[in-house]
Amino acid sequence: MYFGNRDVLRCADRSNELRAAYPEAKIIGCSGTRSIVDNTLEEDGIVAVALGFARTSVRIARAQVTEPSQSRAAGEEIGQTLFAKDLAGIFVLADGLRVDGTDFTAGLTHRIGPGPLIVGGMASDPCDYLETLVGADCEPRSGMVAAVGFYGTAIRFTHGRASGWDAFGPRRHITRSNGNVLYDLDGKPAFELYQRYLGEEVSAGVSAAVMFPLLISPPDRPEQTVVRAPIGLENGTGGMTFAGHVPQGWTARLMRGNLDRLILGAADAARQARVEQPMSGRGESLALMVSCTGRHLLMGQRTEEELEIAGAELGSESKRIGFYSFGEIAPLADSSISDLHNQTMTITSLVEVGD
């Protein structure tokens, strides 16, 4: 499994080197704004980990997407390929620019059903928003969705997710939207609301608005919250594009980031993953960390602090690898159903236990 700088991953030599080192392995990975290895952020290179199991089998699946409307079908295709009675969990990666992460995750969960843990993230780039790459037993390419399934009773997954962003202001209703484009909140243009809070910073676009995501939830299940980050404007309509669906009829609240609270959020995610880890017969564990690029943009040089505090919670015996993404795939609160999230830190710990 690997994560790395997009421009470095474009070089076929890197894929050839991994294949030469592990000719029989299943290989999966993607590009990231930054890569994570333990407490370190990697900007220009590639990080990789080799996993070996005694009693667990793995299977790779991939599909190609040329336009967002194909995302749900791609998720169903991946799910159809990986589904089995002894499926324990799936780690997924998808092009963060060409794939609709909400539809992809919905298609995958529809095929898999409740039970197996589904986690992962949307590949990202160095924030030029031009191209992201995913590879699965092939050279990394754009438009790819991929997943690795883990099978058997020996593999154990524990998971944690937290944001650390603070909601503020009144609850509003999403009165007009279409997919991931938001037009109106409480019957008024959503962009005007952002302008009121951000002033001139947001007048020419949404570069500042990414620091003010929305916390949204269905009206009949207010505890099932997801965070949505604005990523652009729809030309000529005044609509705001988000990195995930903003369904009409849902409620929404603005959020803002505080550096210390974001860092504590990472600790909370690690604590959730650690508490559920099996202790008897435990082997070596690996923590897969997928955190949002928006968090990195806000924290800047303090980003490594969230890695350090998460590592302290997980313990020195847990190795860590991951990337900063354009969206995180993880279960909803108190649910086995996964969805696309933004601005969160997600940590999935996996370990193979003995008899």
Protein backbone atom coordinates (compact mmCIF):
# COMPACT_ATOMS: atom_id res chain seq x y z
CA MET A 1 0.00 0.00 0.00
CA TYR A 2 1.44 3.39 -0.99
CA PHE A 3 0.62 7.12 -0.94
CA GLY A 4 2.61 9.86 -2.57
CA ASN A 5 3.13 13.05 -4.51
CA ARG A 6 1.11 13.02 -7.75
CA ASP A 7 3.94 14.20 -9.99
CA VAL A 8 6.31 11.56 -8.60
CA LEU A 9 3.69 8.83 -9.01
CA ARG A 10 3.33 9.71 -12.70
CA CYS A 11 6.75 8.12 -13.27
CA ALA A 12 6.23 4.48 -14.21
CA ASP A 13 9.58 3.57 -12.65
CA ARG A 14 8.08 3.92 -9.16
CA SER A 15 5.36 1.33 -9.87
CA ASN A 16 7.92 -0.95 -11.47
CA GLU A 17 10.14 -0.71 -8.39
CA LEU A 18 7.30 -1.75 -6.08
CA ARG A 19 6.34 -4.63 -8.34
CA ALA A 20 9.94 -5.81 -8.57
CA ALA A 21 10.29 -5.75 -4.78
CA TYR A 22 7.01 -7.63 -4.22
CA PRO A 23 6.20 -9.55 -7.42
CA GLU A 24 3.33 -11.59 -5.88
CA ALA A 25 1.73 -8.81 -3.82
CA LYS A 26 -1.54 -6.98 -4.30
CA ILE A 27 -0.56 -3.31 -4.69
CA ILE A 28 -2.89 -0.36 -4.13
CA GLY A 29 -2.34 3.36 -3.53
CA CYS A 30 -3.05 6.93 -4.54
CA SER A 31 -1.81 10.48 -4.69
CA GLY A 32 -2.21 12.80 -1.71
CA THR A 33 -1.74 16.46 -0.85
CA ARG A 34 0.65 15.14 1.78
CA SER A 35 1.53 11.61 2.81
CA ILE A 36 1.76 10.34 6.39
CA VAL A 37 4.31 7.99 7.86
CA ASP A 38 4.18 7.86 11.67
CA ASN A 39 4.68 11.47 12.88
CA THR A 40 6.08 12.77 9.59
CA LEU A 41 4.47 14.58 6.67
CA GLU A 42 5.94 13.73 3.27
CA GLU A 43 5.46 16.34 0.54
CA ASP A 44 7.56 15.28 -2.43
CA GLY A 45 8.06 11.55 -2.15
CA ILE A 46 6.18 8.27 -1.72
CA VAL A 47 5.52 6.29 1.45
CA ALA A 48 4.71 2.58 1.35
CA VAL A 49 4.03 -0.31 3.70
CA ALA A 50 4.15 -4.07 3.04
CA LEU A 51 1.55 -6.15 4.89
CA GLY A 52 1.76 -9.87 5.39
CA PHE A 53 -0.96 -12.08 6.92
CA ALA A 54 -0.95 -15.61 8.28
CA ARG A 55 -4.70 -16.30 8.25
CA THR A 56 -6.23 -13.46 6.23
CA SER A 57 -6.75 -13.32 2.48
CA VAL A 58 -7.05 -10.14 0.40
CA ARG A 59 -8.59 -9.28 -2.94
CA ILE A 60 -8.19 -6.18 -5.16
CA ALA A 61 -10.93 -4.62 -7.29
CA ARG A 62 -10.87 -1.59 -9.57
CA ALA A 63 -13.08 0.30 -12.01
CA GLN A 64 -12.65 3.24 -14.37
CA VAL A 65 -14.83 6.38 -14.25
CA THR A 66 -14.88 8.95 -17.04
CA GLU A 67 -17.55 11.25 -15.56
CA PRO A 68 -19.15 11.69 -12.11
CA SER A 69 -22.48 10.21 -13.22
CA GLN A 70 -20.78 6.79 -13.42
CA SER A 71 -19.71 6.87 -9.75
CA ARG A 72 -22.54 4.88 -8.23
CA ALA A 73 -22.25 2.16 -10.86
CA ALA A 74 -18.51 1.97 -10.17
CA GLY A 75 -19.21 1.52 -6.46
CA GLU A 76 -21.67 -1.27 -7.19
CA GLU A 77 -19.15 -2.93 -9.49
CA ILE A 78 -16.47 -2.83 -6.80
CA GLY A 79 -18.95 -4.18 -4.25
CA GLN A 80 -20.04 -7.01 -6.55
CA THR A 81 -16.43 -8.05 -7.08
CA LEU A 82 -15.46 -8.00 -3.40
CA PHE A 83 -18.60 -9.32 -1.72
CA ALA A 84 -18.29 -12.65 0.09
CA LYS A 85 -19.70 -14.15 3.29
CA ASP A 86 -16.34 -13.91 5.06
CA LEU A 87 -15.63 -10.30 3.98
CA ALA A 88 -14.44 -8.43 7.10
CA GLY A 89 -13.59 -4.98 5.75
CA ILE A 90 -12.79 -2.85 2.72
CA PHE A 91 -10.31 -0.01 2.24
CA VAL A 92 -11.26 2.12 -0.76
CA LEU A 93 -9.55 4.84 -2.80
CA ALA A 94 -11.12 6.97 -5.53
CA ASP A 95 -10.16 9.83 -7.81
CA GLY A 96 -10.98 12.92 -5.78
CA LEU A 97 -11.78 15.12 -8.78
CA ARG A 98 -13.62 12.89 -11.27
CA VAL A 99 -15.56 10.65 -8.89
CA ASP A 100 -18.67 11.66 -6.93
CA GLY A 101 -17.64 10.28 -3.55
CA THR A 102 -21.19 10.29 -2.15
CA ASP A 103 -22.62 8.27 -5.05
CA PHE A 104 -19.62 5.94 -5.16
CA THR A 105 -19.92 5.13 -1.46
CA ALA A 106 -23.68 4.67 -1.76
CA GLY A 107 -23.24 2.20 -4.61
CA LEU A 108 -20.58 0.26 -2.72
CA THR A 109 -22.56 0.03 0.53
CA HIS A 110 -25.67 -0.98 -1.39
CA ARG A 111 -23.86 -4.02 -2.80
CA ILE A 112 -21.97 -4.92 0.38
CA GLY A 113 -24.78 -4.35 2.89
CA PRO A 114 -24.35 -3.90 6.66
CA GLY A 115 -21.54 -5.65 8.49
CA PRO A 116 -18.15 -5.24 6.80
CA LEU A 117 -16.37 -1.99 7.68
CA ILE A 118 -15.95 0.32 4.67
CA VAL A 119 -13.31 3.04 5.03
CA GLY A 120 -10.90 4.96 2.81
CA GLY A 121 -10.60 8.29 1.04
CA MET A 122 -10.59 10.39 -2.08
CA ALA A 123 -7.21 10.84 -3.77
CA SER A 124 -5.91 14.41 -3.77
CA ASP A 125 -3.24 16.55 -5.41
CA PRO A 126 -0.94 19.44 -4.37
CA CYS A 127 -4.03 21.72 -4.26
CA ASP A 128 -3.85 22.78 -7.90
CA TYR A 129 -7.04 20.70 -8.39
CA LEU A 130 -5.91 19.39 -11.77
CA GLU A 131 -5.50 15.63 -11.45
CA THR A 132 -5.47 12.89 -8.84
CA LEU A 133 -4.19 9.34 -9.31
CA VAL A 134 -5.20 5.90 -8.04
CA GLY A 135 -3.53 2.58 -8.75
CA ALA A 136 -4.60 -1.02 -8.06
CA ASP A 137 -2.22 -3.63 -9.49
CA CYS A 138 -1.55 -1.13 -12.26
CA GLU A 139 0.20 2.20 -12.75
CA PRO A 140 -1.64 5.05 -10.98
CA ARG A 141 -4.08 6.86 -13.27
CA SER A 142 -6.88 9.40 -13.15
CA GLY A 143 -10.53 8.34 -13.08
CA MET A 144 -9.76 5.19 -11.11
CA VAL A 145 -11.69 3.75 -8.16
CA ALA A 146 -10.09 0.88 -6.30
CA ALA A 147 -10.46 -1.18 -3.16
CA VAL A 148 -8.86 -3.99 -1.22
CA GLY A 149 -11.05 -6.47 0.64
CA PHE A 150 -9.88 -8.38 3.74
CA TYR A 151 -11.38 -11.81 4.40
CA GLY A 152 -11.62 -14.23 7.31
CA THR A 153 -12.15 -14.25 11.06
CA ALA A 154 -8.57 -13.42 12.07
CA ILE A 155 -8.50 -9.81 10.87
CA ARG A 156 -9.81 -7.21 13.30
CA PHE A 157 -10.70 -3.61 12.43
CA THR A 158 -11.26 -0.73 14.82
CA HIS A 159 -12.13 2.75 13.68
CA GLY A 160 -12.29 6.34 14.87
CA ARG A 161 -13.51 9.55 13.25
CA ALA A 162 -13.57 13.11 14.60
CA SER A 163 -13.42 16.64 13.24
CA GLY A 164 -12.75 19.18 16.00
CA TRP A 165 -14.58 21.86 14.01
CA ASP A 166 -17.07 23.91 16.01
CA ALA A 167 -20.61 24.56 14.79
CA PHE A 168 -21.93 28.08 15.30
CA GLY A 169 -24.92 30.19 14.38
CA PRO A 170 -28.50 29.03 13.85
CA ARG A 171 -29.64 25.80 12.26
CA ARG A 172 -30.70 26.45 8.68
CA HIS A 173 -32.64 24.44 6.14
CA ILE A 174 -31.24 23.48 2.76
CA THR A 175 -34.13 24.76 0.65
CA ARG A 176 -32.57 24.34 -2.79
CA SER A 177 -29.74 22.06 -3.89
CA ASN A 178 -28.79 19.58 -6.58
CA GLY A 179 -26.32 16.84 -5.74
CA ASN A 180 -23.21 18.55 -4.41
CA VAL A 181 -24.33 22.07 -5.43
CA LEU A 182 -25.98 24.24 -2.79
CA TYR A 183 -28.10 27.18 -3.88
CA ASP A 184 -30.31 28.33 -1.00
CA LEU A 185 -30.34 28.16 2.78
CA ASP A 186 -33.65 29.19 4.38
CA GLY A 187 -34.76 30.42 0.98
CA LYS A 188 -31.81 32.80 0.56
CA PRO A 189 -28.67 32.40 -1.58
CA ALA A 190 -26.08 30.39 0.34
CA PHE A 191 -23.20 32.34 -1.18
CA GLU A 192 -24.59 35.56 0.30
CA LEU A 193 -24.48 33.97 3.73
CA TYR A 194 -20.80 33.14 3.26
CA GLN A 195 -20.12 36.65 2.04
CA ARG A 196 -21.77 38.07 5.14
CA TYR A 197 -19.42 36.07 7.38
CA LEU A 198 -16.25 36.28 5.29
CA GLY A 199 -16.63 39.61 3.51
CA GLU A 200 -14.12 40.41 0.78
CA GLU A 201 -12.18 37.17 1.32
CA VAL A 202 -14.90 35.15 -0.40
CA SER A 203 -16.07 37.73 -2.95
CA ALA A 204 -13.91 36.35 -5.75
CA GLY A 205 -14.29 32.67 -4.91
CA VAL A 206 -14.27 30.17 -2.07
CA SER A 207 -10.61 29.91 -1.12
CA ALA A 208 -11.47 31.25 2.34
CA ALA A 209 -14.83 29.48 2.53
CA VAL A 210 -13.13 26.06 2.75
CA MET A 211 -12.26 27.07 6.30
CA PHE A 212 -16.00 27.34 7.04
CA PRO A 213 -17.55 23.94 6.24
CA LEU A 214 -21.18 22.96 6.83
CA LEU A 215 -22.38 20.41 9.36
CA ILE A 216 -25.41 18.78 7.76
CA SER A 217 -27.88 16.10 8.88
CA PRO A 218 -31.22 14.61 7.78
CA PRO A 219 -34.18 16.11 9.65
CA ASP A 220 -35.34 12.73 11.00
CA ARG A 221 -31.86 11.63 12.15
CA PRO A 222 -30.08 14.70 13.53
CA GLU A 223 -27.35 12.56 15.08
CA GLN A 224 -26.26 11.29 11.63
CA THR A 225 -24.11 14.31 10.83
CA VAL A 226 -21.59 14.72 8.04
CA VAL A 227 -19.29 17.64 7.31
CA ARG A 228 -19.23 19.21 3.85
CA ALA A 229 -16.49 21.55 2.63
CA PRO A 230 -17.12 24.15 -0.13
CA ILE A 231 -14.71 23.75 -3.04
CA GLY A 232 -15.96 26.05 -5.80
CA LEU A 233 -18.66 28.12 -7.45
CA GLU A 234 -20.98 26.95 -10.23
CA ASN A 235 -20.58 29.41 -13.08
CA GLY A 236 -23.56 31.62 -13.78
CA THR A 237 -25.89 30.19 -11.10
CA GLY A 238 -24.46 31.42 -7.81
CA GLY A 239 -24.46 27.85 -6.55
CA MET A 240 -21.71 26.67 -4.22
CA THR A 241 -20.06 23.34 -5.04
CA PHE A 242 -19.23 21.09 -2.08
CA ALA A 243 -17.04 18.01 -1.80
CA GLY A 244 -20.05 15.75 -1.33
CA HIS A 245 -23.82 15.87 -1.59
CA VAL A 246 -25.82 18.52 0.30
CA PRO A 247 -29.35 17.06 0.11
CA GLN A 248 -32.35 19.35 -0.12
CA GLY A 249 -34.45 19.27 3.04
CA TRP A 250 -31.51 18.59 5.36
CA THR A 251 -30.47 20.99 8.11
CA ALA A 252 -27.14 22.81 8.10
CA ARG A 253 -24.95 24.83 10.44
CA LEU A 254 -21.79 26.74 9.68
CA MET A 255 -18.55 25.51 11.26
CA ARG A 256 -15.21 27.15 11.97
CA GLY A 257 -11.82 25.76 12.85
CA ASN A 258 -9.66 26.28 15.90
CA LEU A 259 -6.17 24.82 15.69
CA ASP A 260 -6.14 23.36 19.18
CA ARG A 261 -9.61 21.87 18.75
CA LEU A 262 -8.62 20.26 15.43
CA ILE A 263 -5.57 18.67 17.02
CA LEU A 264 -7.68 17.37 19.92
CA GLY A 265 -10.09 15.99 17.32
CA ALA A 266 -7.28 13.84 15.92
CA ALA A 267 -6.60 12.54 19.43
CA ASP A 268 -10.28 11.69 19.80
CA ALA A 269 -10.27 9.70 16.54
CA ALA A 270 -7.19 7.75 17.69
CA ARG A 271 -8.76 7.11 21.10
CA GLN A 272 -11.86 5.64 19.47
CA ALA A 273 -9.72 3.31 17.36
CA ARG A 274 -7.51 2.27 20.30
CA VAL A 275 -10.27 1.52 22.80
CA GLU A 276 -11.83 -1.15 20.59
CA GLN A 277 -8.60 -2.96 19.70
CA PRO A 278 -8.47 -6.63 20.73
CA MET A 279 -5.75 -7.17 23.32
CA SER A 280 -5.45 -10.96 23.53
CA GLY A 281 -3.37 -12.71 20.90
CA ARG A 282 -2.75 -9.42 19.14
CA GLY A 283 -0.05 -9.20 16.49
CA GLU A 284 1.48 -6.11 14.97
CA SER A 285 -1.05 -3.40 14.18
CA LEU A 286 -1.21 -0.79 11.44
CA ALA A 287 -3.18 2.43 11.58
CA LEU A 288 -4.43 3.77 8.24
CA MET A 289 -4.87 7.53 8.62
CA VAL A 290 -6.94 9.58 6.16
CA SER A 291 -7.21 13.24 7.09
CA CYS A 292 -8.68 16.11 5.10
CA THR A 293 -6.60 18.48 2.98
CA GLY A 294 -8.70 21.33 4.43
CA ARG A 295 -7.35 20.52 7.88
CA HIS A 296 -3.80 20.72 6.56
CA LEU A 297 -4.51 24.05 4.85
CA LEU A 298 -5.76 25.52 8.12
CA MET A 299 -3.14 24.01 10.42
CA GLY A 300 -0.15 24.68 8.17
CA GLN A 301 3.09 24.03 10.04
CA ARG A 302 1.15 22.66 12.99
CA THR A 303 -0.24 19.74 10.94
CA GLU A 304 2.29 17.31 12.35
CA GLU A 305 0.91 18.01 15.81
CA GLU A 306 -2.26 16.10 14.95
CA LEU A 307 -0.12 13.16 13.81
CA GLU A 308 1.93 13.26 17.02
CA ILE A 309 -1.06 13.40 19.35
CA ALA A 310 -2.81 10.61 17.44
CA GLY A 311 0.36 8.52 17.63
CA ALA A 312 0.60 9.06 21.37
CA GLU A 313 -2.96 7.78 21.78
CA LEU A 314 -2.44 4.74 19.54
CA GLY A 315 0.81 3.71 21.22
CA SER A 316 4.32 3.04 19.97
CA GLU A 317 3.46 -0.52 18.85
CA SER A 318 1.13 0.80 16.16
CA LYS A 319 2.72 1.79 12.85
CA ARG A 320 0.96 4.56 10.92
CA ILE A 321 0.62 5.43 7.25
CA GLY A 322 -1.88 7.49 5.26
CA PHE A 323 -2.54 10.69 3.34
CA TYR A 324 -4.37 14.03 3.27
CA SER A 325 -7.42 13.63 1.06
CA PHE A 326 -10.21 15.40 -0.81
CA GLY A 327 -12.77 13.44 1.25
CA GLU A 328 -12.85 10.69 3.85
CA ILE A 329 -15.00 7.55 3.65
CA ALA A 330 -16.10 6.22 7.03
CA PRO A 331 -19.17 5.05 8.95
CA LEU A 332 -21.73 7.52 10.21
CA ALA A 333 -22.06 7.96 13.98
CA ASP A 334 -23.67 4.93 15.66
CA SER A 335 -24.10 3.24 12.30
CA SER A 336 -22.45 0.57 10.18
CA ILE A 337 -23.30 2.51 7.01
CA SER A 338 -20.44 4.50 5.52
CA ASP A 339 -20.63 7.89 3.82
CA LEU A 340 -18.34 10.59 2.47
CA HIS A 341 -17.04 13.08 5.04
CA ASN A 342 -14.99 16.28 4.77
CA GLN A 343 -12.67 18.02 7.21
CA THR A 344 -12.30 14.94 9.42
CA MET A 345 -9.48 12.77 10.69
CA THR A 346 -10.27 9.09 10.21
CA ILE A 347 -8.13 6.31 11.69
CA THR A 348 -8.61 2.62 10.98
CA SER A 349 -6.47 0.17 12.94
CA LEU A 350 -6.10 -3.36 11.62
CA VAL A 351 -4.50 -6.33 13.32
CA GLU A 352 -4.48 -10.06 12.78
CA VAL A 353 -5.19 -12.06 15.93
CA GLY A 354 -4.11 -15.58 16.78
CA ASP A 355 -6.24 -18.61 17.60
